[in-house]
mmCIF file of all heavy atoms, coordinates in Angstrom:
data_MODEL
# 
_entry.id   MODEL 
# 
loop_
_atom_site.group_PDB 
_atom_site.id 
_atom_site.type_symbol 
_atom_site.label_atom_id 
_atom_site.label_alt_id 
_atom_site.label_comp_id 
_atom_site.label_asym_id 
_atom_site.label_entity_id 
_atom_site.label_seq_id 
_atom_site.pdbx_PDB_ins_code 
_atom_site.Cartn_x 
_atom_site.Cartn_y 
_atom_site.Cartn_z 
_atom_site.occupancy 
_atom_site.B_iso_or_equiv 
_atom_site.pdbx_formal_charge 
_atom_site.auth_seq_id 
_atom_site.auth_comp_id 
_atom_site.auth_asym_id 
_atom_site.auth_atom_id 
_atom_site.pdbx_PDB_model_num 
ATOM 1   N N   . ALA A 1 1  ? 87.679  84.793  87.368 1.00 0.00 ? 1  ALA A N   1 
ATOM 2   C CA  . ALA A 1 1  ? 87.974  85.151  85.977 1.00 0.00 ? 1  ALA A CA  1 
ATOM 3   C C   . ALA A 1 1  ? 87.037  86.261  85.503 1.00 0.00 ? 1  ALA A C   1 
ATOM 4   O O   . ALA A 1 1  ? 87.473  87.212  84.840 1.00 0.00 ? 1  ALA A O   1 
ATOM 5   C CB  . ALA A 1 1  ? 87.858  83.926  85.083 1.00 0.00 ? 1  ALA A CB  1 
ATOM 6   N N   . ASP A 1 2  ? 85.754  86.150  85.849 1.00 0.00 ? 2  ASP A N   1 
ATOM 7   C CA  . ASP A 1 2  ? 84.781  87.184  85.473 1.00 0.00 ? 2  ASP A CA  1 
ATOM 8   C C   . ASP A 1 2  ? 85.121  88.517  86.129 1.00 0.00 ? 2  ASP A C   1 
ATOM 9   O O   . ASP A 1 2  ? 85.064  89.576  85.492 1.00 0.00 ? 2  ASP A O   1 
ATOM 10  C CB  . ASP A 1 2  ? 83.362  86.769  85.861 1.00 0.00 ? 2  ASP A CB  1 
ATOM 11  C CG  . ASP A 1 2  ? 82.830  85.607  85.031 1.00 0.00 ? 2  ASP A CG  1 
ATOM 12  O OD1 . ASP A 1 2  ? 83.434  85.312  83.969 1.00 0.00 ? 2  ASP A OD1 1 
ATOM 13  O OD2 . ASP A 1 2  ? 81.831  84.996  85.456 1.00 0.00 ? 2  ASP A OD2 1 
ATOM 14  N N   . LEU A 1 3  ? 85.473  88.452  87.389 1.00 0.00 ? 3  LEU A N   1 
ATOM 15  C CA  . LEU A 1 3  ? 85.840  89.664  88.122 1.00 0.00 ? 3  LEU A CA  1 
ATOM 16  C C   . LEU A 1 3  ? 87.096  90.295  87.533 1.00 0.00 ? 3  LEU A C   1 
ATOM 17  O O   . LEU A 1 3  ? 87.165  91.509  87.338 1.00 0.00 ? 3  LEU A O   1 
ATOM 18  C CB  . LEU A 1 3  ? 86.055  89.328  89.600 1.00 0.00 ? 3  LEU A CB  1 
ATOM 19  C CG  . LEU A 1 3  ? 86.390  90.480  90.533 1.00 0.00 ? 3  LEU A CG  1 
ATOM 20  C CD1 . LEU A 1 3  ? 85.262  91.501  90.561 1.00 0.00 ? 3  LEU A CD1 1 
ATOM 21  C CD2 . LEU A 1 3  ? 86.653  89.960  91.940 1.00 0.00 ? 3  LEU A CD2 1 
ATOM 22  N N   . SER A 1 4  ? 88.065  89.470  87.206 1.00 0.00 ? 4  SER A N   1 
ATOM 23  C CA  . SER A 1 4  ? 89.305  89.961  86.608 1.00 0.00 ? 4  SER A CA  1 
ATOM 24  C C   . SER A 1 4  ? 89.037  90.610  85.258 1.00 0.00 ? 4  SER A C   1 
ATOM 25  O O   . SER A 1 4  ? 89.578  91.676  84.941 1.00 0.00 ? 4  SER A O   1 
ATOM 26  C CB  . SER A 1 4  ? 90.292  88.813  86.469 1.00 0.00 ? 4  SER A CB  1 
ATOM 27  O OG  . SER A 1 4  ? 91.479  89.265  85.885 1.00 0.00 ? 4  SER A OG  1 
ATOM 28  N N   . GLN A 1 5  ? 88.189  89.992  84.465 1.00 0.00 ? 5  GLN A N   1 
ATOM 29  C CA  . GLN A 1 5  ? 87.844  90.543  83.151 1.00 0.00 ? 5  GLN A CA  1 
ATOM 30  C C   . GLN A 1 5  ? 87.110  91.874  83.304 1.00 0.00 ? 5  GLN A C   1 
ATOM 31  O O   . GLN A 1 5  ? 87.390  92.836  82.585 1.00 0.00 ? 5  GLN A O   1 
ATOM 32  C CB  . GLN A 1 5  ? 86.978  89.540  82.383 1.00 0.00 ? 5  GLN A CB  1 
ATOM 33  C CG  . GLN A 1 5  ? 86.645  89.974  80.977 1.00 0.00 ? 5  GLN A CG  1 
ATOM 34  C CD  . GLN A 1 5  ? 85.803  88.928  80.259 1.00 0.00 ? 5  GLN A CD  1 
ATOM 35  O OE1 . GLN A 1 5  ? 85.265  88.010  80.872 1.00 0.00 ? 5  GLN A OE1 1 
ATOM 36  N NE2 . GLN A 1 5  ? 85.681  89.082  78.954 1.00 0.00 ? 5  GLN A NE2 1 
ATOM 37  N N   . ALA A 1 6  ? 86.195  91.968  84.245 1.00 0.00 ? 6  ALA A N   1 
ATOM 38  C CA  . ALA A 1 6  ? 85.463  93.212  84.478 1.00 0.00 ? 6  ALA A CA  1 
ATOM 39  C C   . ALA A 1 6  ? 86.403  94.309  84.957 1.00 0.00 ? 6  ALA A C   1 
ATOM 40  O O   . ALA A 1 6  ? 86.281  95.475  84.540 1.00 0.00 ? 6  ALA A O   1 
ATOM 41  C CB  . ALA A 1 6  ? 84.346  92.980  85.495 1.00 0.00 ? 6  ALA A CB  1 
ATOM 42  N N   . LEU A 1 7  ? 87.348  93.947  85.811 1.00 0.00 ? 7  LEU A N   1 
ATOM 43  C CA  . LEU A 1 7  ? 88.320  94.927  86.299 1.00 0.00 ? 7  LEU A CA  1 
ATOM 44  C C   . LEU A 1 7  ? 89.188  95.439  85.158 1.00 0.00 ? 7  LEU A C   1 
ATOM 45  O O   . LEU A 1 7  ? 89.407  96.643  85.027 1.00 0.00 ? 7  LEU A O   1 
ATOM 46  C CB  . LEU A 1 7  ? 89.186  94.313  87.400 1.00 0.00 ? 7  LEU A CB  1 
ATOM 47  C CG  . LEU A 1 7  ? 90.285  95.204  87.966 1.00 0.00 ? 7  LEU A CG  1 
ATOM 48  C CD1 . LEU A 1 7  ? 89.684  96.450  88.617 1.00 0.00 ? 7  LEU A CD1 1 
ATOM 49  C CD2 . LEU A 1 7  ? 91.137  94.446  88.954 1.00 0.00 ? 7  LEU A CD2 1 
ATOM 50  N N   . ASP A 1 8  ? 89.682  94.538  84.319 1.00 0.00 ? 8  ASP A N   1 
ATOM 51  C CA  . ASP A 1 8  ? 90.500  94.952  83.184 1.00 0.00 ? 8  ASP A CA  1 
ATOM 52  C C   . ASP A 1 8  ? 89.720  95.866  82.238 1.00 0.00 ? 8  ASP A C   1 
ATOM 53  O O   . ASP A 1 8  ? 90.243  96.863  81.748 1.00 0.00 ? 8  ASP A O   1 
ATOM 54  C CB  . ASP A 1 8  ? 91.023  93.739  82.418 1.00 0.00 ? 8  ASP A CB  1 
ATOM 55  C CG  . ASP A 1 8  ? 92.165  93.040  83.126 1.00 0.00 ? 8  ASP A CG  1 
ATOM 56  O OD1 . ASP A 1 8  ? 92.815  93.688  83.975 1.00 0.00 ? 8  ASP A OD1 1 
ATOM 57  O OD2 . ASP A 1 8  ? 92.402  91.858  82.829 1.00 0.00 ? 8  ASP A OD2 1 
ATOM 58  N N   . GLN A 1 9  ? 88.473  95.525  81.998 1.00 0.00 ? 9  GLN A N   1 
ATOM 59  C CA  . GLN A 1 9  ? 87.634  96.345  81.111 1.00 0.00 ? 9  GLN A CA  1 
ATOM 60  C C   . GLN A 1 9  ? 87.426  97.735  81.715 1.00 0.00 ? 9  GLN A C   1 
ATOM 61  O O   . GLN A 1 9  ? 87.524  98.745  81.022 1.00 0.00 ? 9  GLN A O   1 
ATOM 62  C CB  . GLN A 1 9  ? 86.289  95.662  80.874 1.00 0.00 ? 9  GLN A CB  1 
ATOM 63  C CG  . GLN A 1 9  ? 85.395  96.390  79.909 1.00 0.00 ? 9  GLN A CG  1 
ATOM 64  C CD  . GLN A 1 9  ? 84.088  95.647  79.692 1.00 0.00 ? 9  GLN A CD  1 
ATOM 65  O OE1 . GLN A 1 9  ? 83.815  94.640  80.335 1.00 0.00 ? 9  GLN A OE1 1 
ATOM 66  N NE2 . GLN A 1 9  ? 83.277  96.145  78.779 1.00 0.00 ? 9  GLN A NE2 1 
ATOM 67  N N   . ALA A 1 10 ? 87.172  97.787  83.010 1.00 0.00 ? 10 ALA A N   1 
ATOM 68  C CA  . ALA A 1 10 ? 86.974  99.081  83.671 1.00 0.00 ? 10 ALA A CA  1 
ATOM 69  C C   . ALA A 1 10 ? 88.254  99.905  83.639 1.00 0.00 ? 10 ALA A C   1 
ATOM 70  O O   . ALA A 1 10 ? 88.217  101.120 83.417 1.00 0.00 ? 10 ALA A O   1 
ATOM 71  C CB  . ALA A 1 10 ? 86.515  98.870  85.110 1.00 0.00 ? 10 ALA A CB  1 
ATOM 72  N N   . LEU A 1 11 ? 89.391  99.261  83.841 1.00 0.00 ? 11 LEU A N   1 
ATOM 73  C CA  . LEU A 1 11 ? 90.669  99.982  83.806 1.00 0.00 ? 11 LEU A CA  1 
ATOM 74  C C   . LEU A 1 11 ? 90.973  100.510 82.411 1.00 0.00 ? 11 LEU A C   1 
ATOM 75  O O   . LEU A 1 11 ? 91.497  101.615 82.264 1.00 0.00 ? 11 LEU A O   1 
ATOM 76  C CB  . LEU A 1 11 ? 91.811  99.084  84.292 1.00 0.00 ? 11 LEU A CB  1 
ATOM 77  C CG  . LEU A 1 11 ? 91.837  98.794  85.784 1.00 0.00 ? 11 LEU A CG  1 
ATOM 78  C CD1 . LEU A 1 11 ? 92.948  97.818  86.117 1.00 0.00 ? 11 LEU A CD1 1 
ATOM 79  C CD2 . LEU A 1 11 ? 91.999  100.068 86.577 1.00 0.00 ? 11 LEU A CD2 1 
ATOM 80  N N   . ARG A 1 12 ? 90.645  99.736  81.393 1.00 0.00 ? 12 ARG A N   1 
ATOM 81  C CA  . ARG A 1 12 ? 90.889  100.196 80.019 1.00 0.00 ? 12 ARG A CA  1 
ATOM 82  C C   . ARG A 1 12 ? 90.025  101.397 79.658 1.00 0.00 ? 12 ARG A C   1 
ATOM 83  O O   . ARG A 1 12 ? 90.375  102.165 78.766 1.00 0.00 ? 12 ARG A O   1 
ATOM 84  C CB  . ARG A 1 12 ? 90.661  99.062  79.033 1.00 0.00 ? 12 ARG A CB  1 
ATOM 85  C CG  . ARG A 1 12 ? 91.788  98.051  78.996 1.00 0.00 ? 12 ARG A CG  1 
ATOM 86  C CD  . ARG A 1 12 ? 91.658  97.115  77.793 1.00 0.00 ? 12 ARG A CD  1 
ATOM 87  N NE  . ARG A 1 12 ? 90.399  96.388  77.768 1.00 0.00 ? 12 ARG A NE  1 
ATOM 88  C CZ  . ARG A 1 12 ? 90.190  95.219  78.343 1.00 0.00 ? 12 ARG A CZ  1 
ATOM 89  N NH1 . ARG A 1 12 ? 91.160  94.612  78.978 1.00 0.00 ? 12 ARG A NH1 1 
ATOM 90  N NH2 . ARG A 1 12 ? 89.012  94.631  78.271 1.00 0.00 ? 12 ARG A NH2 1 
ATOM 91  N N   . SER A 1 13 ? 88.916  101.571 80.357 1.00 0.00 ? 13 SER A N   1 
ATOM 92  C CA  . SER A 1 13 ? 88.036  102.707 80.056 1.00 0.00 ? 13 SER A CA  1 
ATOM 93  C C   . SER A 1 13 ? 88.546  104.014 80.680 1.00 0.00 ? 13 SER A C   1 
ATOM 94  O O   . SER A 1 13 ? 88.060  105.084 80.349 1.00 0.00 ? 13 SER A O   1 
ATOM 95  C CB  . SER A 1 13 ? 86.613  102.421 80.544 1.00 0.00 ? 13 SER A CB  1 
ATOM 96  O OG  . SER A 1 13 ? 86.567  102.436 81.953 1.00 0.00 ? 13 SER A OG  1 
ATOM 97  N N   . LEU A 1 14 ? 89.530  103.907 81.565 1.00 0.00 ? 14 LEU A N   1 
ATOM 98  C CA  . LEU A 1 14 ? 90.105  105.101 82.199 1.00 0.00 ? 14 LEU A CA  1 
ATOM 99  C C   . LEU A 1 14 ? 91.085  105.787 81.255 1.00 0.00 ? 14 LEU A C   1 
ATOM 100 O O   . LEU A 1 14 ? 91.650  105.150 80.370 1.00 0.00 ? 14 LEU A O   1 
ATOM 101 C CB  . LEU A 1 14 ? 90.849  104.709 83.479 1.00 0.00 ? 14 LEU A CB  1 
ATOM 102 C CG  . LEU A 1 14 ? 90.029  104.146 84.629 1.00 0.00 ? 14 LEU A CG  1 
ATOM 103 C CD1 . LEU A 1 14 ? 90.955  103.639 85.724 1.00 0.00 ? 14 LEU A CD1 1 
ATOM 104 C CD2 . LEU A 1 14 ? 89.091  105.198 85.175 1.00 0.00 ? 14 LEU A CD2 1 
ATOM 105 N N   . PRO A 1 15 ? 91.306  107.083 81.462 1.00 0.00 ? 15 PRO A N   1 
ATOM 106 C CA  . PRO A 1 15 ? 92.373  107.754 80.700 1.00 0.00 ? 15 PRO A CA  1 
ATOM 107 C C   . PRO A 1 15 ? 93.712  107.066 81.006 1.00 0.00 ? 15 PRO A C   1 
ATOM 108 O O   . PRO A 1 15 ? 93.911  106.538 82.107 1.00 0.00 ? 15 PRO A O   1 
ATOM 109 C CB  . PRO A 1 15 ? 92.366  109.189 81.246 1.00 0.00 ? 15 PRO A CB  1 
ATOM 110 C CG  . PRO A 1 15 ? 91.013  109.358 81.847 1.00 0.00 ? 15 PRO A CG  1 
ATOM 111 C CD  . PRO A 1 15 ? 90.585  108.003 82.322 1.00 0.00 ? 15 PRO A CD  1 
ATOM 112 N N   . PRO A 1 16 ? 94.647  107.066 80.054 1.00 0.00 ? 16 PRO A N   1 
ATOM 113 C CA  . PRO A 1 16 ? 95.903  106.312 80.220 1.00 0.00 ? 16 PRO A CA  1 
ATOM 114 C C   . PRO A 1 16 ? 96.674  106.632 81.495 1.00 0.00 ? 16 PRO A C   1 
ATOM 115 O O   . PRO A 1 16 ? 97.138  105.724 82.187 1.00 0.00 ? 16 PRO A O   1 
ATOM 116 C CB  . PRO A 1 16 ? 96.713  106.696 78.977 1.00 0.00 ? 16 PRO A CB  1 
ATOM 117 C CG  . PRO A 1 16 ? 95.695  107.110 77.970 1.00 0.00 ? 16 PRO A CG  1 
ATOM 118 C CD  . PRO A 1 16 ? 94.562  107.698 78.740 1.00 0.00 ? 16 PRO A CD  1 
ATOM 119 N N   . LYS A 1 17 ? 96.818  107.902 81.833 1.00 0.00 ? 17 LYS A N   1 
ATOM 120 C CA  . LYS A 1 17 ? 97.579  108.252 83.036 1.00 0.00 ? 17 LYS A CA  1 
ATOM 121 C C   . LYS A 1 17 ? 96.854  107.783 84.294 1.00 0.00 ? 17 LYS A C   1 
ATOM 122 O O   . LYS A 1 17 ? 97.473  107.300 85.236 1.00 0.00 ? 17 LYS A O   1 
ATOM 123 C CB  . LYS A 1 17 ? 97.839  109.755 83.102 1.00 0.00 ? 17 LYS A CB  1 
ATOM 124 C CG  . LYS A 1 17 ? 98.895  110.217 82.140 1.00 0.00 ? 17 LYS A CG  1 
ATOM 125 C CD  . LYS A 1 17 ? 99.212  111.673 82.326 1.00 0.00 ? 17 LYS A CD  1 
ATOM 126 C CE  . LYS A 1 17 ? 100.300 112.110 81.366 1.00 0.00 ? 17 LYS A CE  1 
ATOM 127 N NZ  . LYS A 1 17 ? 100.650 113.509 81.522 1.00 0.00 ? 17 LYS A NZ  1 
ATOM 128 N N   . THR A 1 18 ? 95.555  107.918 84.314 1.00 0.00 ? 18 THR A N   1 
ATOM 129 C CA  . THR A 1 18 ? 94.767  107.479 85.464 1.00 0.00 ? 18 THR A CA  1 
ATOM 130 C C   . THR A 1 18 ? 94.872  105.966 85.626 1.00 0.00 ? 18 THR A C   1 
ATOM 131 O O   . THR A 1 18 ? 95.015  105.459 86.743 1.00 0.00 ? 18 THR A O   1 
ATOM 132 C CB  . THR A 1 18 ? 93.294  107.897 85.302 1.00 0.00 ? 18 THR A CB  1 
ATOM 133 O OG1 . THR A 1 18 ? 93.235  109.298 85.070 1.00 0.00 ? 18 THR A OG1 1 
ATOM 134 C CG2 . THR A 1 18 ? 92.480  107.527 86.518 1.00 0.00 ? 18 THR A CG2 1 
ATOM 135 N N   . GLU A 1 19 ? 94.818  105.248 84.517 1.00 0.00 ? 19 GLU A N   1 
ATOM 136 C CA  . GLU A 1 19 ? 94.953  103.789 84.566 1.00 0.00 ? 19 GLU A CA  1 
ATOM 137 C C   . GLU A 1 19 ? 96.315  103.397 85.129 1.00 0.00 ? 19 GLU A C   1 
ATOM 138 O O   . GLU A 1 19 ? 96.417  102.518 85.988 1.00 0.00 ? 19 GLU A O   1 
ATOM 139 C CB  . GLU A 1 19 ? 94.784  103.190 83.171 1.00 0.00 ? 19 GLU A CB  1 
ATOM 140 C CG  . GLU A 1 19 ? 94.974  101.690 83.143 1.00 0.00 ? 19 GLU A CG  1 
ATOM 141 C CD  . GLU A 1 19 ? 94.904  101.110 81.743 1.00 0.00 ? 19 GLU A CD  1 
ATOM 142 O OE1 . GLU A 1 19 ? 94.630  101.841 80.784 1.00 0.00 ? 19 GLU A OE1 1 
ATOM 143 O OE2 . GLU A 1 19 ? 95.141  99.895  81.632 1.00 0.00 ? 19 GLU A OE2 1 
ATOM 144 N N   . THR A 1 20 ? 97.363  104.064 84.662 1.00 0.00 ? 20 THR A N   1 
ATOM 145 C CA  . THR A 1 20 ? 98.714  103.768 85.146 1.00 0.00 ? 20 THR A CA  1 
ATOM 146 C C   . THR A 1 20 ? 98.822  104.033 86.637 1.00 0.00 ? 20 THR A C   1 
ATOM 147 O O   . THR A 1 20 ? 99.352  103.207 87.390 1.00 0.00 ? 20 THR A O   1 
ATOM 148 C CB  . THR A 1 20 ? 99.755  104.616 84.380 1.00 0.00 ? 20 THR A CB  1 
ATOM 149 O OG1 . THR A 1 20 ? 99.654  104.317 82.989 1.00 0.00 ? 20 THR A OG1 1 
ATOM 150 C CG2 . THR A 1 20 ? 101.157 104.322 84.873 1.00 0.00 ? 20 THR A CG2 1 
ATOM 151 N N   . ILE A 1 21 ? 98.312  105.155 87.077 1.00 0.00 ? 21 ILE A N   1 
ATOM 152 C CA  . ILE A 1 21 ? 98.359  105.504 88.501 1.00 0.00 ? 21 ILE A CA  1 
ATOM 153 C C   . ILE A 1 21 ? 97.579  104.484 89.324 1.00 0.00 ? 21 ILE A C   1 
ATOM 154 O O   . ILE A 1 21 ? 98.036  104.032 90.373 1.00 0.00 ? 21 ILE A O   1 
ATOM 155 C CB  . ILE A 1 21 ? 97.824  106.927 88.732 1.00 0.00 ? 21 ILE A CB  1 
ATOM 156 C CG1 . ILE A 1 21 ? 98.813  107.942 88.154 1.00 0.00 ? 21 ILE A CG1 1 
ATOM 157 C CG2 . ILE A 1 21 ? 97.580  107.198 90.208 1.00 0.00 ? 21 ILE A CG2 1 
ATOM 158 C CD1 . ILE A 1 21 ? 98.285  109.352 88.092 1.00 0.00 ? 21 ILE A CD1 1 
ATOM 159 N N   . PHE A 1 22 ? 96.405  104.097 88.854 1.00 0.00 ? 22 PHE A N   1 
ATOM 160 C CA  . PHE A 1 22 ? 95.596  103.119 89.576 1.00 0.00 ? 22 PHE A CA  1 
ATOM 161 C C   . PHE A 1 22 ? 96.334  101.786 89.687 1.00 0.00 ? 22 PHE A C   1 
ATOM 162 O O   . PHE A 1 22 ? 96.406  101.187 90.764 1.00 0.00 ? 22 PHE A O   1 
ATOM 163 C CB  . PHE A 1 22 ? 94.249  102.913 88.887 1.00 0.00 ? 22 PHE A CB  1 
ATOM 164 C CG  . PHE A 1 22 ? 93.351  101.964 89.632 1.00 0.00 ? 22 PHE A CG  1 
ATOM 165 C CD1 . PHE A 1 22 ? 92.555  102.424 90.656 1.00 0.00 ? 22 PHE A CD1 1 
ATOM 166 C CD2 . PHE A 1 22 ? 93.327  100.616 89.314 1.00 0.00 ? 22 PHE A CD2 1 
ATOM 167 C CE1 . PHE A 1 22 ? 91.730  101.550 91.355 1.00 0.00 ? 22 PHE A CE1 1 
ATOM 168 C CE2 . PHE A 1 22 ? 92.516  99.739  90.003 1.00 0.00 ? 22 PHE A CE2 1 
ATOM 169 C CZ  . PHE A 1 22 ? 91.716  100.205 91.023 1.00 0.00 ? 22 PHE A CZ  1 
ATOM 170 N N   . ARG A 1 23 ? 96.878  101.316 88.574 1.00 0.00 ? 23 ARG A N   1 
ATOM 171 C CA  . ARG A 1 23 ? 97.585  100.036 88.590 1.00 0.00 ? 23 ARG A CA  1 
ATOM 172 C C   . ARG A 1 23 ? 98.794  100.072 89.538 1.00 0.00 ? 23 ARG A C   1 
ATOM 173 O O   . ARG A 1 23 ? 99.035  99.127  90.284 1.00 0.00 ? 23 ARG A O   1 
ATOM 174 C CB  . ARG A 1 23 ? 98.031  99.655  87.188 1.00 0.00 ? 23 ARG A CB  1 
ATOM 175 C CG  . ARG A 1 23 ? 96.906  99.185  86.301 1.00 0.00 ? 23 ARG A CG  1 
ATOM 176 C CD  . ARG A 1 23 ? 97.413  98.729  84.936 1.00 0.00 ? 23 ARG A CD  1 
ATOM 177 N NE  . ARG A 1 23 ? 96.343  98.416  84.027 1.00 0.00 ? 23 ARG A NE  1 
ATOM 178 C CZ  . ARG A 1 23 ? 95.703  97.242  83.995 1.00 0.00 ? 23 ARG A CZ  1 
ATOM 179 N NH1 . ARG A 1 23 ? 96.032  96.302  84.834 1.00 0.00 ? 23 ARG A NH1 1 
ATOM 180 N NH2 . ARG A 1 23 ? 94.729  97.039  83.131 1.00 0.00 ? 23 ARG A NH2 1 
ATOM 181 N N   . LEU A 1 24 ? 99.537  101.167 89.503 1.00 0.00 ? 24 LEU A N   1 
ATOM 182 C CA  . LEU A 1 24 ? 100.702 101.278 90.386 1.00 0.00 ? 24 LEU A CA  1 
ATOM 183 C C   . LEU A 1 24 ? 100.291 101.320 91.853 1.00 0.00 ? 24 LEU A C   1 
ATOM 184 O O   . LEU A 1 24 ? 100.934 100.715 92.705 1.00 0.00 ? 24 LEU A O   1 
ATOM 185 C CB  . LEU A 1 24 ? 101.523 102.521 90.032 1.00 0.00 ? 24 LEU A CB  1 
ATOM 186 C CG  . LEU A 1 24 ? 102.286 102.467 88.714 1.00 0.00 ? 24 LEU A CG  1 
ATOM 187 C CD1 . LEU A 1 24 ? 102.916 103.823 88.420 1.00 0.00 ? 24 LEU A CD1 1 
ATOM 188 C CD2 . LEU A 1 24 ? 103.339 101.382 88.742 1.00 0.00 ? 24 LEU A CD2 1 
# 
């Protein structure tokens, strides 16, 4: 859960397009 929360927080700090590309 901690790891998942840290990952989500790190992804939210990325620019929107970069976050989308990373998630995909």
